[in-house]
Structures are given as C-alpha cells and as structure tokens.
Amino acid sequence: MSNKIHQGGCVCGDIRYEVTGDPDIVIVCHCEWCQRRTGSAFAMIPKWEQTNFKLTSGTLKAYREVNEFGRWLDLKFCPRCGTNIGFTQERRPTAQAVDAGTLDDPSIVNRHNHDFRYIFMRSHQDWTAVPKGEAIYDGPMSDNVSDPPPARQE
C-alpha cells in the first residue's frame, strides 16, 4: 500500500481533508438513496480505514439515516455549502467512505488498480453501463454476484 497523501474538500473550501494510501475498496452504489443524495445516477465511494482519514480544516455536520435493512449510516457534509464529503456506517464502522468527487484528484480512484464493487444494480438507471468483468450485486454486497441486469425494455 502506498503512503501517498491525497487531499480533498467541499465546494466552498471550508472543509478540507487528507486520506493516506490507496482505498481498501471502491463501491459504486446505484441505490435510490445514493442517487438522491448525490443528484446523480450513482455514488462513487472509495473507502479507507478511519485511521487513514484526517479532517484538516472545518467541522463536518452529520445526518443519520437508517436504511431498509435497519442499519445506520452517518452522512457527513459541509454545513455551509452542503457538499457530501462521505459517511461512516454500521456495516463497517472502522471505515471512512469518501465521495470520490470531493477528492482534489478523483482520478486516483482507478478500476484497474482498486477493488471495485457495483452494488444495488436492481435500481440502476438504464443509461449507465458497467465495464465487463466487474463484481456486480443486485443489492448490498452480501447478495450473490450476478451478471449485469438487462437494459430496461420500453
């Protein structure tokens, strides 16, 4: 694992953070909640151990969501501009998820170098595509890996 430090932050600049090394895993979540919270078709979520995440300026605000499985997720965001920085969750409380778009250089997250998992494909938008050979789950990662779902028929 690399010890390289990567920096990121929010839109207004009040929040700044550093993560050290490569992410342990990268989740590409297509659940309806992530679609709504990001305003996009999916969330790109690299995860590091919390010991590799350091808030360097600002104070994050948190919002607790309890998902359809009864597990909590604490969404962290900038109280000034509202940028989603990432979250911690009950499923893996020692991990810090970071929204990839908040990294100063999001290209450090690379599917050829990191363990990518595409989850909640049951709610993906038909105009999104998953590269061949990737780990795909209809729901959370505890579901069996499956082939990509067929495009929706009109």
N, C-alpha and C. Protein backbone atom coordinates (compact mmCIF):
# COMPACT_ATOMS: atom_id res chain seq x y z
N MET A 1 0.84 -1.18 0.00
CA MET A 1 0.00 0.00 0.00
C MET A 1 0.88 1.24 0.00
N SER A 2 0.48 2.18 -0.77
CA SER A 2 1.19 3.45 -0.87
C SER A 2 0.91 4.31 0.37
N ASN A 3 1.88 5.13 0.74
CA ASN A 3 1.68 6.08 1.83
C ASN A 3 1.42 7.48 1.30
N LYS A 4 1.11 7.58 0.02
CA LYS A 4 0.85 8.88 -0.59
C LYS A 4 -0.37 9.53 0.05
N ILE A 5 -0.30 10.83 0.26
CA ILE A 5 -1.41 11.58 0.85
C ILE A 5 -2.20 12.24 -0.28
N HIS A 6 -3.52 12.03 -0.24
CA HIS A 6 -4.44 12.62 -1.21
C HIS A 6 -5.31 13.61 -0.45
N GLN A 7 -5.56 14.75 -1.06
CA GLN A 7 -6.37 15.78 -0.40
C GLN A 7 -7.70 15.97 -1.11
N GLY A 8 -8.64 16.53 -0.36
CA GLY A 8 -9.95 16.82 -0.92
C GLY A 8 -10.68 17.82 -0.06
N GLY A 9 -11.88 18.18 -0.50
CA GLY A 9 -12.67 19.13 0.26
C GLY A 9 -13.99 19.44 -0.40
N CYS A 10 -14.68 20.39 0.18
CA CYS A 10 -16.03 20.76 -0.27
C CYS A 10 -15.97 21.87 -1.33
N VAL A 11 -17.12 22.23 -1.85
CA VAL A 11 -17.23 23.25 -2.89
C VAL A 11 -16.78 24.62 -2.40
N CYS A 12 -17.17 25.01 -1.19
CA CYS A 12 -16.85 26.36 -0.69
C CYS A 12 -15.46 26.46 -0.10
N GLY A 13 -14.80 25.35 0.17
CA GLY A 13 -13.45 25.35 0.70
C GLY A 13 -13.33 25.32 2.21
N ASP A 14 -14.46 25.38 2.93
CA ASP A 14 -14.41 25.33 4.40
C ASP A 14 -13.91 23.98 4.92
N ILE A 15 -14.30 22.90 4.25
CA ILE A 15 -13.90 21.56 4.65
C ILE A 15 -12.72 21.11 3.80
N ARG A 16 -11.67 20.65 4.46
CA ARG A 16 -10.52 20.06 3.79
C ARG A 16 -10.16 18.78 4.55
N TYR A 17 -9.70 17.77 3.81
CA TYR A 17 -9.31 16.52 4.43
C TYR A 17 -8.14 15.91 3.67
N GLU A 18 -7.55 14.90 4.30
CA GLU A 18 -6.50 14.09 3.68
C GLU A 18 -6.82 12.62 3.90
N VAL A 19 -6.50 11.81 2.91
CA VAL A 19 -6.54 10.36 3.06
C VAL A 19 -5.16 9.84 2.67
N THR A 20 -4.70 8.83 3.37
CA THR A 20 -3.37 8.28 3.13
C THR A 20 -3.48 6.92 2.47
N GLY A 21 -2.73 6.75 1.39
CA GLY A 21 -2.67 5.47 0.71
C GLY A 21 -3.80 5.27 -0.27
N ASP A 22 -3.93 4.03 -0.70
CA ASP A 22 -4.98 3.65 -1.64
C ASP A 22 -6.24 3.26 -0.89
N PRO A 23 -7.40 3.42 -1.50
CA PRO A 23 -8.62 2.94 -0.84
C PRO A 23 -8.60 1.42 -0.71
N ASP A 24 -9.23 0.92 0.35
CA ASP A 24 -9.33 -0.52 0.57
C ASP A 24 -10.27 -1.16 -0.44
N ILE A 25 -11.31 -0.42 -0.80
CA ILE A 25 -12.35 -0.90 -1.71
C ILE A 25 -13.03 0.34 -2.30
N VAL A 26 -13.62 0.18 -3.47
CA VAL A 26 -14.38 1.26 -4.09
C VAL A 26 -15.77 0.72 -4.40
N ILE A 27 -16.76 1.36 -3.81
CA ILE A 27 -18.16 0.98 -4.03
C ILE A 27 -18.76 1.94 -5.04
N VAL A 28 -19.42 1.38 -6.04
CA VAL A 28 -20.18 2.18 -6.99
C VAL A 28 -21.64 1.83 -6.72
N CYS A 29 -22.30 2.71 -5.96
CA CYS A 29 -23.64 2.39 -5.45
C CYS A 29 -24.73 3.03 -6.31
N HIS A 30 -25.63 2.18 -6.77
CA HIS A 30 -26.74 2.60 -7.62
C HIS A 30 -28.07 2.62 -6.85
N CYS A 31 -28.02 2.59 -5.52
CA CYS A 31 -29.28 2.59 -4.75
C CYS A 31 -30.00 3.93 -4.94
N GLU A 32 -31.29 3.90 -4.74
CA GLU A 32 -32.08 5.13 -4.93
C GLU A 32 -31.67 6.22 -3.95
N TRP A 33 -31.27 5.84 -2.73
CA TRP A 33 -30.85 6.84 -1.74
C TRP A 33 -29.58 7.55 -2.20
N CYS A 34 -28.60 6.80 -2.70
CA CYS A 34 -27.37 7.44 -3.19
C CYS A 34 -27.65 8.29 -4.43
N GLN A 35 -28.57 7.85 -5.25
CA GLN A 35 -28.94 8.67 -6.41
C GLN A 35 -29.48 10.01 -5.93
N ARG A 36 -30.33 9.98 -4.92
CA ARG A 36 -30.92 11.22 -4.41
C ARG A 36 -29.87 12.09 -3.69
N ARG A 37 -29.03 11.47 -2.84
CA ARG A 37 -28.08 12.28 -2.06
C ARG A 37 -27.00 12.90 -2.92
N THR A 38 -26.66 12.26 -4.06
CA THR A 38 -25.63 12.81 -4.93
C THR A 38 -26.21 13.64 -6.08
N GLY A 39 -27.49 13.47 -6.35
CA GLY A 39 -28.09 14.14 -7.50
C GLY A 39 -27.58 13.56 -8.81
N SER A 40 -27.20 12.29 -8.80
CA SER A 40 -26.63 11.64 -9.97
C SER A 40 -27.18 10.22 -10.09
N ALA A 41 -26.66 9.46 -11.04
CA ALA A 41 -27.15 8.11 -11.27
C ALA A 41 -26.56 7.09 -10.29
N PHE A 42 -25.44 7.43 -9.66
CA PHE A 42 -24.80 6.53 -8.72
C PHE A 42 -23.80 7.31 -7.89
N ALA A 43 -23.32 6.69 -6.83
CA ALA A 43 -22.28 7.30 -5.99
C ALA A 43 -21.00 6.50 -6.16
N MET A 44 -19.89 7.21 -6.33
CA MET A 44 -18.57 6.60 -6.42
C MET A 44 -17.92 6.78 -5.06
N ILE A 45 -17.73 5.66 -4.32
CA ILE A 45 -17.38 5.74 -2.90
C ILE A 45 -16.12 4.91 -2.58
N PRO A 46 -14.94 5.51 -2.67
CA PRO A 46 -13.77 4.80 -2.17
C PRO A 46 -13.79 4.80 -0.64
N LYS A 47 -13.31 3.72 -0.05
CA LYS A 47 -13.29 3.61 1.42
C LYS A 47 -11.88 3.36 1.92
N TRP A 48 -11.54 4.09 2.98
CA TRP A 48 -10.28 3.93 3.69
C TRP A 48 -10.60 3.61 5.14
N GLU A 49 -9.67 3.01 5.86
CA GLU A 49 -9.81 2.89 7.30
C GLU A 49 -9.81 4.30 7.88
N GLN A 50 -10.59 4.52 8.94
CA GLN A 50 -10.68 5.86 9.54
C GLN A 50 -9.32 6.38 9.99
N THR A 51 -8.40 5.50 10.33
CA THR A 51 -7.06 5.93 10.74
C THR A 51 -6.30 6.57 9.58
N ASN A 52 -6.75 6.36 8.35
CA ASN A 52 -6.12 6.95 7.16
C ASN A 52 -6.85 8.20 6.67
N PHE A 53 -7.86 8.64 7.39
CA PHE A 53 -8.62 9.85 7.05
C PHE A 53 -8.37 10.91 8.11
N LYS A 54 -8.09 12.13 7.67
CA LYS A 54 -7.85 13.22 8.62
C LYS A 54 -8.53 14.49 8.11
N LEU A 55 -9.41 15.03 8.93
CA LEU A 55 -10.04 16.32 8.62
C LEU A 55 -9.00 17.39 8.95
N THR A 56 -8.64 18.23 7.98
CA THR A 56 -7.59 19.23 8.20
C THR A 56 -8.13 20.63 8.40
N SER A 57 -9.37 20.88 7.98
CA SER A 57 -10.00 22.17 8.29
C SER A 57 -11.51 22.04 8.23
N GLY A 58 -12.17 22.86 9.04
CA GLY A 58 -13.62 22.86 9.09
C GLY A 58 -14.18 21.82 10.04
N THR A 59 -15.49 21.85 10.18
CA THR A 59 -16.22 20.90 11.02
C THR A 59 -17.36 20.32 10.21
N LEU A 60 -17.39 19.00 10.12
CA LEU A 60 -18.45 18.34 9.37
C LEU A 60 -19.73 18.27 10.18
N LYS A 61 -20.83 18.37 9.50
CA LYS A 61 -22.15 18.14 10.09
C LYS A 61 -22.56 16.72 9.70
N ALA A 62 -23.36 16.08 10.53
CA ALA A 62 -23.77 14.70 10.25
C ALA A 62 -25.28 14.57 10.22
N TYR A 63 -25.73 13.68 9.36
CA TYR A 63 -27.14 13.30 9.27
C TYR A 63 -27.19 11.78 9.32
N ARG A 64 -27.95 11.23 10.27
CA ARG A 64 -28.06 9.77 10.41
C ARG A 64 -29.28 9.27 9.63
N GLU A 65 -29.02 8.31 8.79
CA GLU A 65 -30.06 7.64 8.01
C GLU A 65 -30.09 6.18 8.46
N VAL A 66 -31.26 5.60 8.58
CA VAL A 66 -31.39 4.17 8.84
C VAL A 66 -31.96 3.57 7.57
N ASN A 67 -31.22 2.63 6.98
CA ASN A 67 -31.61 2.10 5.68
C ASN A 67 -32.69 1.02 5.78
N GLU A 68 -33.04 0.49 4.64
CA GLU A 68 -34.10 -0.52 4.56
C GLU A 68 -33.77 -1.81 5.31
N PHE A 69 -32.50 -2.00 5.67
CA PHE A 69 -32.06 -3.18 6.40
C PHE A 69 -31.95 -2.91 7.90
N GLY A 70 -32.31 -1.69 8.34
CA GLY A 70 -32.26 -1.33 9.74
C GLY A 70 -30.89 -0.91 10.24
N ARG A 71 -29.95 -0.68 9.33
CA ARG A 71 -28.59 -0.27 9.71
C ARG A 71 -28.43 1.24 9.54
N TRP A 72 -27.62 1.84 10.45
CA TRP A 72 -27.40 3.28 10.37
C TRP A 72 -26.26 3.62 9.43
N LEU A 73 -26.33 4.84 8.91
CA LEU A 73 -25.29 5.43 8.09
C LEU A 73 -25.25 6.90 8.46
N ASP A 74 -24.07 7.40 8.85
CA ASP A 74 -23.90 8.81 9.21
C ASP A 74 -23.27 9.55 8.05
N LEU A 75 -24.10 10.29 7.33
CA LEU A 75 -23.67 11.09 6.20
C LEU A 75 -22.99 12.35 6.73
N LYS A 76 -21.78 12.65 6.24
CA LYS A 76 -21.02 13.82 6.68
C LYS A 76 -20.99 14.84 5.56
N PHE A 77 -21.25 16.10 5.89
CA PHE A 77 -21.33 17.13 4.85
C PHE A 77 -20.91 18.48 5.40
N CYS A 78 -20.61 19.41 4.50
CA CYS A 78 -20.24 20.76 4.88
C CYS A 78 -21.49 21.52 5.28
N PRO A 79 -21.50 22.13 6.49
CA PRO A 79 -22.69 22.85 6.92
C PRO A 79 -22.91 24.16 6.13
N ARG A 80 -21.88 24.65 5.47
CA ARG A 80 -22.03 25.91 4.71
C ARG A 80 -22.56 25.67 3.30
N CYS A 81 -21.90 24.79 2.53
CA CYS A 81 -22.31 24.60 1.13
C CYS A 81 -23.08 23.31 0.88
N GLY A 82 -23.09 22.41 1.84
CA GLY A 82 -23.87 21.17 1.72
C GLY A 82 -23.19 20.04 0.99
N THR A 83 -21.94 20.21 0.58
CA THR A 83 -21.24 19.14 -0.14
C THR A 83 -21.15 17.88 0.70
N ASN A 84 -21.57 16.73 0.12
CA ASN A 84 -21.40 15.43 0.77
C ASN A 84 -19.93 15.07 0.72
N ILE A 85 -19.32 14.89 1.86
CA ILE A 85 -17.91 14.50 1.92
C ILE A 85 -17.78 12.99 1.98
N GLY A 86 -18.66 12.33 2.68
CA GLY A 86 -18.62 10.88 2.80
C GLY A 86 -19.48 10.42 3.96
N PHE A 87 -19.19 9.23 4.46
CA PHE A 87 -20.00 8.70 5.55
C PHE A 87 -19.27 7.59 6.29
N THR A 88 -19.80 7.27 7.46
CA THR A 88 -19.44 6.06 8.20
C THR A 88 -20.72 5.26 8.32
N GLN A 89 -20.59 3.97 8.52
CA GLN A 89 -21.80 3.15 8.58
C GLN A 89 -21.64 1.97 9.53
N GLU A 90 -22.78 1.51 10.01
CA GLU A 90 -22.82 0.40 10.95
C GLU A 90 -22.20 -0.86 10.36
N ARG A 91 -22.39 -1.09 9.10
CA ARG A 91 -21.90 -2.30 8.45
C ARG A 91 -20.38 -2.45 8.60
N ARG A 92 -19.65 -1.34 8.52
CA ARG A 92 -18.19 -1.35 8.70
C ARG A 92 -17.78 -0.05 9.39
N PRO A 93 -17.98 0.05 10.70
CA PRO A 93 -17.80 1.32 11.41
C PRO A 93 -16.37 1.83 11.48
N THR A 94 -15.39 1.00 11.17
CA THR A 94 -13.99 1.48 11.19
C THR A 94 -13.57 2.11 9.87
N ALA A 95 -14.44 2.07 8.87
CA ALA A 95 -14.12 2.61 7.55
C ALA A 95 -14.67 4.03 7.39
N GLN A 96 -13.96 4.81 6.60
CA GLN A 96 -14.43 6.14 6.23
C GLN A 96 -14.66 6.13 4.72
N ALA A 97 -15.91 6.28 4.33
CA ALA A 97 -16.25 6.40 2.92
C ALA A 97 -16.08 7.86 2.52
N VAL A 98 -15.57 8.08 1.33
CA VAL A 98 -15.37 9.43 0.81
C VAL A 98 -16.07 9.51 -0.54
N ASP A 99 -16.81 10.56 -0.78
CA ASP A 99 -17.39 10.75 -2.10
C ASP A 99 -16.26 11.16 -3.03
N ALA A 100 -16.00 10.33 -4.07
CA ALA A 100 -14.82 10.49 -4.91
C ALA A 100 -14.71 11.86 -5.55
N GLY A 101 -15.83 12.48 -5.86
CA GLY A 101 -15.81 13.79 -6.49
C GLY A 101 -15.28 14.89 -5.60
N THR A 102 -15.13 14.63 -4.30
CA THR A 102 -14.58 15.64 -3.40
C THR A 102 -13.06 15.57 -3.31
N LEU A 103 -12.46 14.53 -3.89
CA LEU A 103 -11.00 14.45 -3.93
C LEU A 103 -10.48 15.53 -4.89
N ASP A 104 -9.37 16.16 -4.56
CA ASP A 104 -8.79 17.14 -5.47
C ASP A 104 -8.44 16.50 -6.81
N ASP A 105 -8.04 15.23 -6.77
CA ASP A 105 -7.74 14.48 -7.99
C ASP A 105 -8.52 13.17 -7.95
N PRO A 106 -9.79 13.19 -8.40
CA PRO A 106 -10.59 11.96 -8.37
C PRO A 106 -10.02 10.82 -9.22
N SER A 107 -9.10 11.13 -10.13
CA SER A 107 -8.56 10.07 -10.99
C SER A 107 -7.65 9.11 -10.23
N ILE A 108 -7.35 9.40 -8.95
CA ILE A 108 -6.59 8.43 -8.15
C ILE A 108 -7.40 7.15 -7.94
N VAL A 109 -8.71 7.24 -8.06
CA VAL A 109 -9.60 6.08 -7.95
C VAL A 109 -9.68 5.47 -9.34
N ASN A 110 -9.13 4.27 -9.48
CA ASN A 110 -8.97 3.67 -10.79
C ASN A 110 -9.38 2.21 -10.72
N ARG A 111 -10.31 1.81 -11.57
CA ARG A 111 -10.83 0.44 -11.53
C ARG A 111 -9.79 -0.60 -11.89
N HIS A 112 -8.71 -0.20 -12.54
CA HIS A 112 -7.65 -1.15 -12.89
C HIS A 112 -6.70 -1.39 -11.71
N ASN A 113 -6.70 -0.46 -10.73
CA ASN A 113 -5.78 -0.57 -9.59
C ASN A 113 -6.47 -0.87 -8.27
N HIS A 114 -7.80 -0.75 -8.21
CA HIS A 114 -8.53 -0.90 -6.96
C HIS A 114 -9.65 -1.92 -7.10
N ASP A 115 -10.10 -2.43 -5.97
CA ASP A 115 -11.17 -3.41 -5.90
C ASP A 115 -12.51 -2.68 -6.01
N PHE A 116 -13.14 -2.72 -7.17
CA PHE A 116 -14.43 -2.06 -7.42
C PHE A 116 -15.57 -3.06 -7.21
N ARG A 117 -16.66 -2.59 -6.60
CA ARG A 117 -17.88 -3.38 -6.44
C ARG A 117 -19.07 -2.51 -6.85
N TYR A 118 -19.87 -2.97 -7.77
CA TYR A 118 -21.06 -2.26 -8.24
C TYR A 118 -22.26 -2.85 -7.51
N ILE A 119 -22.92 -2.03 -6.67
CA ILE A 119 -23.99 -2.56 -5.83
C ILE A 119 -25.33 -1.87 -6.14
N PHE A 120 -26.39 -2.53 -5.69
CA PHE A 120 -27.76 -2.09 -5.90
C PHE A 120 -28.06 -1.86 -7.38
N MET A 121 -27.58 -2.77 -8.20
CA MET A 121 -27.83 -2.68 -9.64
C MET A 121 -29.30 -2.86 -9.97
N ARG A 122 -30.07 -3.39 -9.03
CA ARG A 122 -31.51 -3.53 -9.28
C ARG A 122 -32.19 -2.18 -9.48
N SER A 123 -31.55 -1.10 -9.01
CA SER A 123 -32.15 0.24 -9.19
C SER A 123 -31.28 1.15 -10.07
N HIS A 124 -30.39 0.54 -10.85
CA HIS A 124 -29.54 1.37 -11.73
C HIS A 124 -30.38 2.00 -12.85
N GLN A 125 -29.88 3.09 -13.36
CA GLN A 125 -30.52 3.75 -14.50
C GLN A 125 -30.04 3.05 -15.77
N ASP A 126 -30.96 2.86 -16.71
CA ASP A 126 -30.60 2.08 -17.90
C ASP A 126 -29.60 2.79 -18.81
N TRP A 127 -29.33 4.05 -18.54
CA TRP A 127 -28.32 4.77 -19.33
C TRP A 127 -26.95 4.75 -18.69
N THR A 128 -26.78 3.92 -17.65
CA THR A 128 -25.46 3.70 -17.07
C THR A 128 -24.96 2.34 -17.53
N ALA A 129 -23.66 2.21 -17.66
CA ALA A 129 -23.07 0.95 -18.10
C ALA A 129 -21.97 0.56 -17.12
N VAL A 130 -21.82 -0.73 -16.91
CA VAL A 130 -20.77 -1.27 -16.04
C VAL A 130 -19.77 -1.99 -16.94
N PRO A 131 -18.48 -1.72 -16.74
CA PRO A 131 -17.48 -2.42 -17.55
C PRO A 131 -17.57 -3.93 -17.36
N LYS A 132 -17.31 -4.67 -18.41
CA LYS A 132 -17.35 -6.14 -18.35
C LYS A 132 -16.34 -6.66 -17.34
N GLY A 133 -16.74 -7.73 -16.65
CA GLY A 133 -15.84 -8.40 -15.73
C GLY A 133 -15.83 -7.84 -14.32
N GLU A 134 -16.64 -6.84 -14.03
CA GLU A 134 -16.65 -6.23 -12.69
C GLU A 134 -17.59 -7.01 -11.76
N ALA A 135 -17.35 -6.91 -10.44
CA ALA A 135 -18.22 -7.55 -9.44
C ALA A 135 -19.51 -6.75 -9.33
N ILE A 136 -20.63 -7.40 -9.59
CA ILE A 136 -21.93 -6.74 -9.65
C ILE A 136 -22.89 -7.43 -8.69
N TYR A 137 -23.61 -6.63 -7.92
CA TYR A 137 -24.56 -7.13 -6.92
C TYR A 137 -25.90 -6.45 -7.14
N ASP A 138 -26.99 -7.22 -7.08
CA ASP A 138 -28.33 -6.65 -7.22
C ASP A 138 -28.69 -5.75 -6.05
N GLY A 139 -28.21 -6.10 -4.87
CA GLY A 139 -28.46 -5.34 -3.65
C GLY A 139 -27.14 -5.01 -2.99
N PRO A 140 -27.08 -5.12 -1.64
CA PRO A 140 -25.80 -4.89 -0.95
C PRO A 140 -24.83 -6.02 -1.27
N MET A 141 -23.58 -5.87 -0.87
CA MET A 141 -22.56 -6.86 -1.22
C MET A 141 -22.81 -8.23 -0.64
N SER A 142 -23.71 -8.38 0.29
CA SER A 142 -24.00 -9.71 0.83
C SER A 142 -24.80 -10.55 -0.16
N ASP A 143 -25.39 -9.88 -1.18
CA ASP A 143 -26.10 -10.62 -2.22
C ASP A 143 -25.10 -11.37 -3.09
N ASN A 144 -25.58 -12.38 -3.78
CA ASN A 144 -24.71 -13.11 -4.69
C ASN A 144 -24.32 -12.23 -5.87
N VAL A 145 -23.11 -12.44 -6.36
CA VAL A 145 -22.66 -11.73 -7.55
C VAL A 145 -23.46 -12.25 -8.72
N SER A 146 -23.87 -11.33 -9.61
CA SER A 146 -24.64 -11.73 -10.76
C SER A 146 -24.14 -11.01 -11.99
N ASP A 147 -24.64 -11.44 -13.13
CA ASP A 147 -24.34 -10.72 -14.37
C ASP A 147 -25.08 -9.39 -14.36
N PRO A 148 -24.62 -8.43 -15.16
CA PRO A 148 -25.34 -7.16 -15.21
C PRO A 148 -26.79 -7.38 -15.62
N PRO A 149 -27.72 -6.63 -15.04
CA PRO A 149 -29.12 -6.79 -15.43
C PRO A 149 -29.31 -6.32 -16.86
N PRO A 150 -30.29 -6.88 -17.55
CA PRO A 150 -30.53 -6.44 -18.93
C PRO A 150 -31.05 -5.01 -18.94
N ALA A 151 -30.86 -4.33 -20.05
CA ALA A 151 -31.40 -2.97 -20.21
C ALA A 151 -32.92 -3.05 -20.10
N ARG A 152 -33.51 -2.00 -19.55
CA ARG A 152 -34.96 -1.97 -19.42
C ARG A 152 -35.61 -1.90 -20.81
N GLN A 153 -36.68 -2.63 -20.95
CA GLN A 153 -37.42 -2.62 -22.21
C GLN A 153 -38.51 -1.58 -22.13
N GLU A 154 -38.64 -0.78 -23.15
CA GLU A 154 -39.70 0.24 -23.22
C GLU A 154 -40.93 -0.33 -23.86
